Amino acid sequence: MGNKITYYAIVSGGATVDRPQGLLRRLEHDDGPDDEGLHRDLSWRPTPLIVEQENGSTDEDLVEVSHEQASKIVEYFREKFANEG
């Protein structure tokens, strides 16, 4: 298996794909996936949210987004966090 990356926007509470609450990604490896969330410093850190959503143990709504849309979301957060400084 190659190193596939799948992105998810967090769209709970009235958030939209264009203005999500957060961004997650799943990195597929030969030994299993790693799930990460984007943080305020724009670094990626481990998160349980994707697995919790798959198991029905979270109220977060996740929507799969393209790599192109994920890049736009990263830019959205870059601007948002810079302005919140």
C-alpha atoms as a PDB file:
ATOM      1  CA  MET A   1       0.000   0.000   0.000  1.00  0.00           C
ATOM      2  CA  GLY A   2       1.278   3.486  -0.814  1.00  0.00           C
ATOM      3  CA  ASN A   3       1.252   6.428   1.532  1.00  0.00           C
ATOM      4  CA  LYS A   4      -2.301   7.608   0.898  1.00  0.00           C
ATOM      5  CA  ILE A   5      -3.515  10.731   2.710  1.00  0.00           C
ATOM      6  CA  THR A   6      -7.211  11.374   3.343  1.00  0.00           C
ATOM      7  CA  TYR A   7      -8.352  14.739   4.726  1.00  0.00           C
ATOM      8  CA  TYR A   8     -11.453  15.497   6.798  1.00  0.00           C
ATOM      9  CA  ALA A   9     -13.013  18.847   7.693  1.00  0.00           C
ATOM     10  CA  ILE A  10     -14.736  19.123  11.079  1.00  0.00           C
ATOM     11  CA  VAL A  11     -18.124  20.674  10.294  1.00  0.00           C
ATOM     12  CA  SER A  12     -19.980  20.343  13.608  1.00  0.00           C
ATOM     13  CA  GLY A  13     -22.023  23.137  15.101  1.00  0.00           C
ATOM     14  CA  GLY A  14     -22.929  24.898  11.876  1.00  0.00           C
ATOM     15  CA  ALA A  15     -19.380  24.992  10.513  1.00  0.00           C
ATOM     16  CA  THR A  16     -18.912  24.462   6.779  1.00  0.00           C
ATOM     17  CA  VAL A  17     -16.215  22.948   4.593  1.00  0.00           C
ATOM     18  CA  ASP A  18     -15.124  26.485   3.704  1.00  0.00           C
ATOM     19  CA  ARG A  19     -15.063  27.553   7.371  1.00  0.00           C
ATOM     20  CA  PRO A  20     -14.605  24.341   9.377  1.00  0.00           C
ATOM     21  CA  GLN A  21     -13.898  23.943  13.063  1.00  0.00           C
ATOM     22  CA  GLY A  22     -10.796  21.902  12.267  1.00  0.00           C
ATOM     23  CA  LEU A  23      -8.900  19.763   9.781  1.00  0.00           C
ATOM     24  CA  LEU A  24      -7.844  16.147  10.219  1.00  0.00           C
ATOM     25  CA  ARG A  25      -5.852  13.779   8.066  1.00  0.00           C
ATOM     26  CA  ARG A  26      -5.317  10.033   7.924  1.00  0.00           C
ATOM     27  CA  LEU A  27      -1.939   8.834   6.670  1.00  0.00           C
ATOM     28  CA  GLU A  28      -2.086   5.240   5.437  1.00  0.00           C
ATOM     29  CA  HIS A  29       1.061   3.174   6.011  1.00  0.00           C
ATOM     30  CA  ASP A  30       1.833  -0.503   5.485  1.00  0.00           C
ATOM     31  CA  ASP A  31       1.636  -1.004   9.266  1.00  0.00           C
ATOM     32  CA  GLY A  32      -1.633   0.903   9.685  1.00  0.00           C
ATOM     33  CA  PRO A  33      -2.956   4.460   9.693  1.00  0.00           C
ATOM     34  CA  ASP A  34      -1.835   7.513  11.626  1.00  0.00           C
ATOM     35  CA  ASP A  35      -4.518  10.121  12.313  1.00  0.00           C
ATOM     36  CA  GLU A  36      -3.512  13.728  12.869  1.00  0.00           C
ATOM     37  CA  GLY A  37      -5.194  17.048  13.504  1.00  0.00           C
ATOM     38  CA  LEU A  38      -4.025  20.510  12.498  1.00  0.00           C
ATOM     39  CA  HIS A  39      -3.189  22.728  15.492  1.00  0.00           C
ATOM     40  CA  ARG A  40      -3.015  26.500  15.990  1.00  0.00           C
ATOM     41  CA  ASP A  41       0.725  26.527  15.249  1.00  0.00           C
ATOM     42  CA  LEU A  42      -0.131  24.734  11.953  1.00  0.00           C
ATOM     43  CA  SER A  43       1.647  21.559  13.053  1.00  0.00           C
ATOM     44  CA  TRP A  44       0.049  18.138  12.724  1.00  0.00           C
ATOM     45  CA  ARG A  45      -0.385  16.120  15.940  1.00  0.00           C
ATOM     46  CA  PRO A  46      -1.983  12.756  16.733  1.00  0.00           C
ATOM     47  CA  THR A  47      -5.743  12.761  17.233  1.00  0.00           C
ATOM     48  CA  PRO A  48      -8.327  10.076  18.107  1.00  0.00           C
ATOM     49  CA  LEU A  49     -11.208  11.911  16.382  1.00  0.00           C
ATOM     50  CA  ILE A  50     -11.320   9.903  13.144  1.00  0.00           C
ATOM     51  CA  VAL A  51     -11.406   6.567  14.978  1.00  0.00           C
ATOM     52  CA  GLU A  52     -13.947   7.936  17.460  1.00  0.00           C
ATOM     53  CA  GLN A  53     -16.154   9.084  14.578  1.00  0.00           C
ATOM     54  CA  GLU A  54     -15.844   5.671  12.891  1.00  0.00           C
ATOM     55  CA  ASN A  55     -16.874   4.022  16.172  1.00  0.00           C
ATOM     56  CA  GLY A  56     -19.759   6.434  16.738  1.00  0.00           C
ATOM     57  CA  SER A  57     -18.240   7.687  19.997  1.00  0.00           C
ATOM     58  CA  THR A  58     -17.995  11.394  19.128  1.00  0.00           C
ATOM     59  CA  ASP A  59     -20.461  14.088  18.169  1.00  0.00           C
ATOM     60  CA  GLU A  60     -18.009  15.676  15.722  1.00  0.00           C
ATOM     61  CA  ASP A  61     -19.214  15.693  12.112  1.00  0.00           C
ATOM     62  CA  LEU A  62     -16.419  14.917   9.658  1.00  0.00           C
ATOM     63  CA  VAL A  63     -16.589  15.425   5.901  1.00  0.00           C
ATOM     64  CA  GLU A  64     -13.931  14.003   3.593  1.00  0.00           C
ATOM     65  CA  VAL A  65     -12.339  16.750   1.501  1.00  0.00           C
ATOM     66  CA  SER A  66      -9.942  16.746  -1.443  1.00  0.00           C
ATOM     67  CA  HIS A  67      -6.257  17.603  -1.150  1.00  0.00           C
ATOM     68  CA  GLU A  68      -7.033  20.874  -2.943  1.00  0.00           C
ATOM     69  CA  GLN A  69      -9.779  21.757  -0.443  1.00  0.00           C
ATOM     70  CA  ALA A  70      -7.503  20.752   2.451  1.00  0.00           C
ATOM     71  CA  SER A  71      -4.875  23.209   1.183  1.00  0.00           C
ATOM     72  CA  LYS A  72      -7.531  25.956   1.148  1.00  0.00           C
ATOM     73  CA  ILE A  73      -8.544  25.041   4.696  1.00  0.00           C
ATOM     74  CA  VAL A  74      -4.922  25.215   5.886  1.00  0.00           C
ATOM     75  CA  GLU A  75      -4.693  28.696   4.345  1.00  0.00           C
ATOM     76  CA  TYR A  76      -7.985  29.669   6.026  1.00  0.00           C
ATOM     77  CA  PHE A  77      -6.563  28.636   9.418  1.00  0.00           C
ATOM     78  CA  ARG A  78      -3.222  30.326   8.706  1.00  0.00           C
ATOM     79  CA  GLU A  79      -5.053  33.635   8.183  1.00  0.00           C
ATOM     80  CA  LYS A  80      -7.496  33.058  11.051  1.00  0.00           C
ATOM     81  CA  PHE A  81      -4.776  32.224  13.594  1.00  0.00           C
ATOM     82  CA  ALA A  82      -2.562  35.106  12.431  1.00  0.00           C
ATOM     83  CA  ASN A  83      -5.426  37.555  12.952  1.00  0.00           C
ATOM     84  CA  GLU A  84      -6.215  36.104  16.403  1.00  0.00           C
ATOM     85  CA  GLY A  85      -2.477  36.426  17.258  1.00  0.00           C
END
